[in-house]
Amino acid sequence: MESVMWPMPVYKFARAISVAEGSNPLWCNPGDLTISLGFPNDGPQNADGVLKFVNVADGWYVLYHQCWVMLTGKSHEYALTDTIEQVGMKYSDGDPNWAMNVANYLGVPTSTTLAQLAADT
């Protein structure tokens, strides 16, 4: 795994997502992600396809990468104009608590957009 210095908003957003997800620590996947970006994993751990990474550093790297994609407008699923509430509906398959938990962690309303999060320093 290469060493990357992500922008601070990426770290903040990833930490908020990890809190909202509350992933099983044994899965080494703080974002409850279903993609691996090629990192070694032990396959899906539940019906949603959440992967178990071999180590937690890989799980964090994939989550940081996904947050970076979302906050830089490079995502094919999330637009910079999406609010935390809209992101949550997609990311968590409709769980309204996800957006509230992420927003509360970040100290912002659920109406905050990805562009606004990206501009946070």
N, C-alpha and C. Protein backbone atom coordinates (compact mmCIF):
# COMPACT_ATOMS: atom_id res chain seq x y z
N MET A 1 0.85 -1.18 0.00
CA MET A 1 0.00 0.00 0.00
C MET A 1 0.89 1.23 0.00
N GLU A 2 0.58 2.16 -0.86
CA GLU A 2 1.35 3.39 -0.94
C GLU A 2 0.91 4.35 0.16
N SER A 3 1.82 5.19 0.58
CA SER A 3 1.52 6.18 1.59
C SER A 3 0.93 7.42 0.90
N VAL A 4 -0.22 7.84 1.36
CA VAL A 4 -0.91 8.98 0.76
C VAL A 4 -1.27 9.96 1.87
N MET A 5 -1.09 11.23 1.58
CA MET A 5 -1.56 12.27 2.48
C MET A 5 -2.85 12.83 1.88
N TRP A 6 -3.95 12.43 2.46
CA TRP A 6 -5.26 12.88 1.97
C TRP A 6 -5.55 14.28 2.51
N PRO A 7 -6.37 15.05 1.82
CA PRO A 7 -6.80 16.35 2.36
C PRO A 7 -7.59 16.14 3.66
N MET A 8 -7.50 17.08 4.57
CA MET A 8 -8.16 16.96 5.88
C MET A 8 -9.66 16.64 5.77
N PRO A 9 -10.41 17.23 4.83
CA PRO A 9 -11.83 16.87 4.75
C PRO A 9 -12.05 15.37 4.49
N VAL A 10 -11.13 14.73 3.79
CA VAL A 10 -11.24 13.29 3.53
C VAL A 10 -11.15 12.54 4.85
N TYR A 11 -10.17 12.88 5.68
CA TYR A 11 -10.01 12.22 6.97
C TYR A 11 -11.25 12.42 7.85
N LYS A 12 -11.76 13.65 7.89
CA LYS A 12 -12.92 13.95 8.72
C LYS A 12 -14.15 13.18 8.25
N PHE A 13 -14.39 13.19 6.95
CA PHE A 13 -15.56 12.51 6.41
C PHE A 13 -15.45 11.00 6.62
N ALA A 14 -14.28 10.45 6.41
CA ALA A 14 -14.07 9.01 6.62
C ALA A 14 -14.32 8.63 8.08
N ARG A 15 -13.82 9.42 9.00
CA ARG A 15 -14.03 9.13 10.42
C ARG A 15 -15.52 9.18 10.75
N ALA A 16 -16.23 10.17 10.22
CA ALA A 16 -17.67 10.28 10.45
C ALA A 16 -18.41 9.06 9.89
N ILE A 17 -18.01 8.63 8.71
CA ILE A 17 -18.63 7.44 8.11
C ILE A 17 -18.36 6.21 8.97
N SER A 18 -17.14 6.08 9.47
CA SER A 18 -16.82 4.90 10.28
C SER A 18 -17.67 4.87 11.55
N VAL A 19 -17.93 6.02 12.13
CA VAL A 19 -18.78 6.10 13.32
C VAL A 19 -20.21 5.72 12.95
N ALA A 20 -20.70 6.26 11.85
CA ALA A 20 -22.08 5.97 11.43
C ALA A 20 -22.26 4.50 11.08
N GLU A 21 -21.25 3.90 10.47
CA GLU A 21 -21.35 2.50 10.06
C GLU A 21 -21.26 1.55 11.24
N GLY A 22 -20.41 1.85 12.20
CA GLY A 22 -20.27 0.97 13.35
C GLY A 22 -19.90 -0.45 12.96
N SER A 23 -18.99 -0.57 12.02
CA SER A 23 -18.59 -1.87 11.48
C SER A 23 -18.00 -2.79 12.54
N ASN A 24 -18.17 -4.07 12.31
CA ASN A 24 -17.55 -5.08 13.17
C ASN A 24 -16.04 -4.90 13.08
N PRO A 25 -15.36 -4.62 14.19
CA PRO A 25 -13.91 -4.39 14.14
C PRO A 25 -13.12 -5.57 13.58
N LEU A 26 -13.64 -6.76 13.71
CA LEU A 26 -12.94 -7.93 13.19
C LEU A 26 -12.87 -7.94 11.67
N TRP A 27 -13.71 -7.14 11.03
CA TRP A 27 -13.73 -7.10 9.57
C TRP A 27 -12.69 -6.13 9.00
N CYS A 28 -12.06 -5.32 9.84
CA CYS A 28 -11.03 -4.36 9.39
C CYS A 28 -11.54 -3.47 8.26
N ASN A 29 -12.81 -3.11 8.33
CA ASN A 29 -13.47 -2.37 7.26
C ASN A 29 -14.31 -1.24 7.87
N PRO A 30 -13.68 -0.13 8.24
CA PRO A 30 -14.39 0.93 8.97
C PRO A 30 -15.53 1.58 8.19
N GLY A 31 -15.55 1.41 6.87
CA GLY A 31 -16.63 2.01 6.08
C GLY A 31 -17.68 1.02 5.63
N ASP A 32 -17.59 -0.22 6.11
CA ASP A 32 -18.51 -1.28 5.67
C ASP A 32 -18.59 -1.34 4.14
N LEU A 33 -17.43 -1.28 3.50
CA LEU A 33 -17.37 -1.21 2.05
C LEU A 33 -17.50 -2.59 1.39
N THR A 34 -18.01 -2.57 0.18
CA THR A 34 -18.19 -3.80 -0.61
C THR A 34 -17.22 -3.85 -1.78
N ILE A 35 -16.30 -2.89 -1.84
CA ILE A 35 -15.26 -2.88 -2.87
C ILE A 35 -13.91 -2.96 -2.18
N SER A 36 -12.92 -3.53 -2.87
CA SER A 36 -11.62 -3.72 -2.23
C SER A 36 -10.49 -2.92 -2.85
N LEU A 37 -10.71 -2.38 -4.05
CA LEU A 37 -9.65 -1.69 -4.80
C LEU A 37 -8.42 -2.58 -4.96
N GLY A 38 -8.64 -3.89 -4.94
CA GLY A 38 -7.55 -4.85 -5.13
C GLY A 38 -6.83 -5.26 -3.86
N PHE A 39 -7.22 -4.70 -2.72
CA PHE A 39 -6.58 -5.10 -1.46
C PHE A 39 -7.06 -6.49 -1.05
N PRO A 40 -6.18 -7.28 -0.44
CA PRO A 40 -6.56 -8.62 -0.02
C PRO A 40 -7.70 -8.58 0.99
N ASN A 41 -8.61 -9.52 0.84
CA ASN A 41 -9.73 -9.60 1.77
C ASN A 41 -10.22 -11.03 1.85
N ASP A 42 -11.02 -11.28 2.87
CA ASP A 42 -11.56 -12.62 3.10
C ASP A 42 -12.99 -12.74 2.59
N GLY A 43 -13.37 -11.87 1.67
CA GLY A 43 -14.69 -11.95 1.05
C GLY A 43 -15.80 -11.32 1.87
N PRO A 44 -17.01 -11.39 1.33
CA PRO A 44 -18.18 -10.81 1.99
C PRO A 44 -18.46 -11.47 3.34
N GLN A 45 -18.87 -10.64 4.29
CA GLN A 45 -19.16 -11.12 5.64
C GLN A 45 -20.63 -11.10 6.00
N ASN A 46 -21.44 -10.52 5.11
CA ASN A 46 -22.89 -10.48 5.37
C ASN A 46 -23.64 -10.43 4.04
N ALA A 47 -24.94 -10.39 4.12
CA ALA A 47 -25.78 -10.40 2.91
C ALA A 47 -25.61 -9.14 2.07
N ASP A 48 -25.12 -8.06 2.68
CA ASP A 48 -24.89 -6.81 1.94
C ASP A 48 -23.59 -6.83 1.16
N GLY A 49 -22.76 -7.84 1.38
CA GLY A 49 -21.49 -7.95 0.66
C GLY A 49 -20.35 -7.19 1.28
N VAL A 50 -20.48 -6.78 2.55
CA VAL A 50 -19.42 -6.05 3.23
C VAL A 50 -18.21 -6.97 3.37
N LEU A 51 -17.06 -6.45 2.92
CA LEU A 51 -15.84 -7.25 2.89
C LEU A 51 -15.10 -7.24 4.22
N LYS A 52 -14.34 -8.29 4.45
CA LYS A 52 -13.42 -8.36 5.58
C LYS A 52 -12.02 -8.21 5.02
N PHE A 53 -11.38 -7.07 5.32
CA PHE A 53 -10.01 -6.85 4.85
C PHE A 53 -9.04 -7.62 5.74
N VAL A 54 -7.88 -7.92 5.16
CA VAL A 54 -6.86 -8.66 5.89
C VAL A 54 -6.29 -7.83 7.04
N ASN A 55 -6.19 -6.50 6.82
CA ASN A 55 -5.74 -5.63 7.91
C ASN A 55 -6.48 -4.30 7.84
N VAL A 56 -6.53 -3.65 8.97
CA VAL A 56 -7.32 -2.43 9.09
C VAL A 56 -6.73 -1.27 8.28
N ALA A 57 -5.43 -1.26 8.07
CA ALA A 57 -4.82 -0.18 7.26
C ALA A 57 -5.38 -0.20 5.84
N ASP A 58 -5.58 -1.38 5.29
CA ASP A 58 -6.16 -1.49 3.95
C ASP A 58 -7.60 -0.99 3.95
N GLY A 59 -8.36 -1.36 4.98
CA GLY A 59 -9.75 -0.90 5.08
C GLY A 59 -9.85 0.61 5.15
N TRP A 60 -8.96 1.22 5.94
CA TRP A 60 -8.95 2.68 6.02
C TRP A 60 -8.54 3.29 4.69
N TYR A 61 -7.56 2.73 4.02
CA TYR A 61 -7.12 3.26 2.73
C TYR A 61 -8.29 3.29 1.74
N VAL A 62 -9.03 2.19 1.66
CA VAL A 62 -10.16 2.12 0.72
C VAL A 62 -11.22 3.15 1.10
N LEU A 63 -11.49 3.30 2.39
CA LEU A 63 -12.48 4.30 2.82
C LEU A 63 -11.99 5.71 2.50
N TYR A 64 -10.72 6.01 2.77
CA TYR A 64 -10.19 7.34 2.42
C TYR A 64 -10.30 7.58 0.92
N HIS A 65 -9.97 6.58 0.13
CA HIS A 65 -10.06 6.72 -1.32
C HIS A 65 -11.50 7.01 -1.74
N GLN A 66 -12.43 6.28 -1.19
CA GLN A 66 -13.83 6.50 -1.55
C GLN A 66 -14.29 7.89 -1.14
N CYS A 67 -13.88 8.35 0.02
CA CYS A 67 -14.24 9.71 0.45
C CYS A 67 -13.60 10.75 -0.46
N TRP A 68 -12.36 10.52 -0.85
CA TRP A 68 -11.67 11.43 -1.76
C TRP A 68 -12.41 11.51 -3.10
N VAL A 69 -12.83 10.37 -3.61
CA VAL A 69 -13.58 10.34 -4.87
C VAL A 69 -14.88 11.15 -4.72
N MET A 70 -15.55 10.97 -3.60
CA MET A 70 -16.81 11.68 -3.36
C MET A 70 -16.60 13.19 -3.22
N LEU A 71 -15.55 13.58 -2.52
CA LEU A 71 -15.33 15.00 -2.23
C LEU A 71 -14.61 15.76 -3.34
N THR A 72 -14.17 15.05 -4.36
CA THR A 72 -13.51 15.73 -5.48
C THR A 72 -14.36 15.70 -6.75
N GLY A 73 -15.57 15.18 -6.64
CA GLY A 73 -16.45 15.15 -7.80
C GLY A 73 -16.12 14.07 -8.81
N LYS A 74 -15.31 13.09 -8.42
CA LYS A 74 -14.91 12.02 -9.33
C LYS A 74 -15.80 10.78 -9.22
N SER A 75 -16.79 10.83 -8.36
CA SER A 75 -17.67 9.69 -8.14
C SER A 75 -18.71 9.58 -9.26
N HIS A 76 -19.02 8.36 -9.62
CA HIS A 76 -20.08 8.12 -10.59
C HIS A 76 -21.43 7.97 -9.90
N GLU A 77 -21.41 7.89 -8.58
CA GLU A 77 -22.64 7.69 -7.81
C GLU A 77 -23.07 8.92 -7.02
N TYR A 78 -22.10 9.70 -6.58
CA TYR A 78 -22.38 10.86 -5.72
C TYR A 78 -21.95 12.14 -6.42
N ALA A 79 -22.81 13.15 -6.37
CA ALA A 79 -22.50 14.45 -6.95
C ALA A 79 -22.07 15.41 -5.84
N LEU A 80 -21.25 16.37 -6.18
CA LEU A 80 -20.83 17.37 -5.18
C LEU A 80 -22.01 18.14 -4.61
N THR A 81 -23.12 18.17 -5.34
CA THR A 81 -24.32 18.86 -4.87
C THR A 81 -25.18 17.98 -3.96
N ASP A 82 -24.83 16.70 -3.83
CA ASP A 82 -25.57 15.82 -2.92
C ASP A 82 -25.37 16.27 -1.48
N THR A 83 -26.44 16.26 -0.72
CA THR A 83 -26.36 16.57 0.70
C THR A 83 -25.96 15.31 1.47
N ILE A 84 -25.58 15.50 2.72
CA ILE A 84 -25.27 14.34 3.55
C ILE A 84 -26.49 13.42 3.62
N GLU A 85 -27.67 14.02 3.66
CA GLU A 85 -28.90 13.22 3.70
C GLU A 85 -29.03 12.36 2.42
N GLN A 86 -28.77 12.96 1.27
CA GLN A 86 -28.85 12.21 0.01
C GLN A 86 -27.75 11.15 -0.07
N VAL A 87 -26.55 11.50 0.36
CA VAL A 87 -25.45 10.53 0.37
C VAL A 87 -25.82 9.35 1.25
N GLY A 88 -26.37 9.65 2.42
CA GLY A 88 -26.74 8.60 3.35
C GLY A 88 -27.76 7.63 2.80
N MET A 89 -28.71 8.14 2.05
CA MET A 89 -29.73 7.26 1.47
C MET A 89 -29.11 6.26 0.50
N LYS A 90 -28.10 6.70 -0.22
CA LYS A 90 -27.41 5.80 -1.16
C LYS A 90 -26.43 4.89 -0.43
N TYR A 91 -25.62 5.49 0.43
CA TYR A 91 -24.52 4.75 1.09
C TYR A 91 -25.06 3.67 2.02
N SER A 92 -26.15 3.98 2.72
CA SER A 92 -26.67 3.06 3.74
C SER A 92 -27.95 2.35 3.32
N ASP A 93 -28.26 2.40 2.04
CA ASP A 93 -29.49 1.77 1.55
C ASP A 93 -30.74 2.27 2.26
N GLY A 94 -30.79 3.58 2.49
CA GLY A 94 -32.01 4.20 3.00
C GLY A 94 -32.12 4.38 4.49
N ASP A 95 -31.08 4.13 5.25
CA ASP A 95 -31.14 4.31 6.70
C ASP A 95 -31.01 5.80 7.04
N PRO A 96 -32.10 6.43 7.53
CA PRO A 96 -32.05 7.87 7.81
C PRO A 96 -31.11 8.21 8.96
N ASN A 97 -30.81 7.26 9.82
CA ASN A 97 -29.90 7.51 10.94
C ASN A 97 -28.47 7.74 10.47
N TRP A 98 -28.10 7.19 9.34
CA TRP A 98 -26.74 7.34 8.83
C TRP A 98 -26.40 8.81 8.66
N ALA A 99 -27.25 9.54 7.96
CA ALA A 99 -26.99 10.97 7.71
C ALA A 99 -26.95 11.76 9.01
N MET A 100 -27.85 11.45 9.91
CA MET A 100 -27.85 12.16 11.19
C MET A 100 -26.57 11.89 11.97
N ASN A 101 -26.11 10.65 11.96
CA ASN A 101 -24.88 10.31 12.68
C ASN A 101 -23.65 10.97 12.06
N VAL A 102 -23.57 10.96 10.73
CA VAL A 102 -22.43 11.61 10.05
C VAL A 102 -22.46 13.12 10.31
N ALA A 103 -23.62 13.73 10.13
CA ALA A 103 -23.74 15.18 10.33
C ALA A 103 -23.43 15.56 11.78
N ASN A 104 -23.94 14.79 12.73
CA ASN A 104 -23.67 15.08 14.15
C ASN A 104 -22.18 14.98 14.44
N TYR A 105 -21.52 13.97 13.91
CA TYR A 105 -20.09 13.82 14.14
C TYR A 105 -19.32 15.02 13.59
N LEU A 106 -19.74 15.49 12.41
CA LEU A 106 -19.06 16.61 11.76
C LEU A 106 -19.51 17.97 12.29
N GLY A 107 -20.60 17.99 13.04
CA GLY A 107 -21.12 19.25 13.57
C GLY A 107 -21.76 20.14 12.53
N VAL A 108 -22.41 19.51 11.55
CA VAL A 108 -23.06 20.24 10.47
C VAL A 108 -24.47 19.69 10.28
N PRO A 109 -25.35 20.43 9.60
CA PRO A 109 -26.68 19.89 9.31
C PRO A 109 -26.64 18.83 8.21
N THR A 110 -27.65 18.01 8.14
CA THR A 110 -27.72 16.98 7.11
C THR A 110 -27.90 17.58 5.72
N SER A 111 -28.22 18.86 5.65
CA SER A 111 -28.36 19.55 4.36
C SER A 111 -27.02 20.00 3.78
N THR A 112 -25.93 19.77 4.50
CA THR A 112 -24.60 20.12 4.02
C THR A 112 -24.25 19.28 2.80
N THR A 113 -23.72 19.92 1.77
CA THR A 113 -23.37 19.18 0.54
C THR A 113 -21.94 18.66 0.61
N LEU A 114 -21.66 17.72 -0.29
CA LEU A 114 -20.29 17.22 -0.40
C LEU A 114 -19.32 18.34 -0.75
N ALA A 115 -19.76 19.26 -1.60
CA ALA A 115 -18.90 20.41 -1.95
C ALA A 115 -18.57 21.23 -0.71
N GLN A 116 -19.55 21.42 0.16
CA GLN A 116 -19.29 22.18 1.38
C GLN A 116 -18.33 21.42 2.31
N LEU A 117 -18.48 20.10 2.38
CA LEU A 117 -17.56 19.30 3.19
C LEU A 117 -16.15 19.38 2.61
N ALA A 118 -16.05 19.34 1.29
CA ALA A 118 -14.75 19.38 0.64
C ALA A 118 -14.04 20.71 0.89
N ALA A 119 -14.80 21.77 1.05
CA ALA A 119 -14.23 23.11 1.26
C ALA A 119 -13.81 23.33 2.70
N ASP A 120 -14.27 22.44 3.60
CA ASP A 120 -13.95 22.56 5.04
C ASP A 120 -12.46 22.31 5.24
N THR A 121 -11.83 23.19 5.99
CA THR A 121 -10.40 22.99 6.26
C THR A 121 -10.14 22.79 7.72
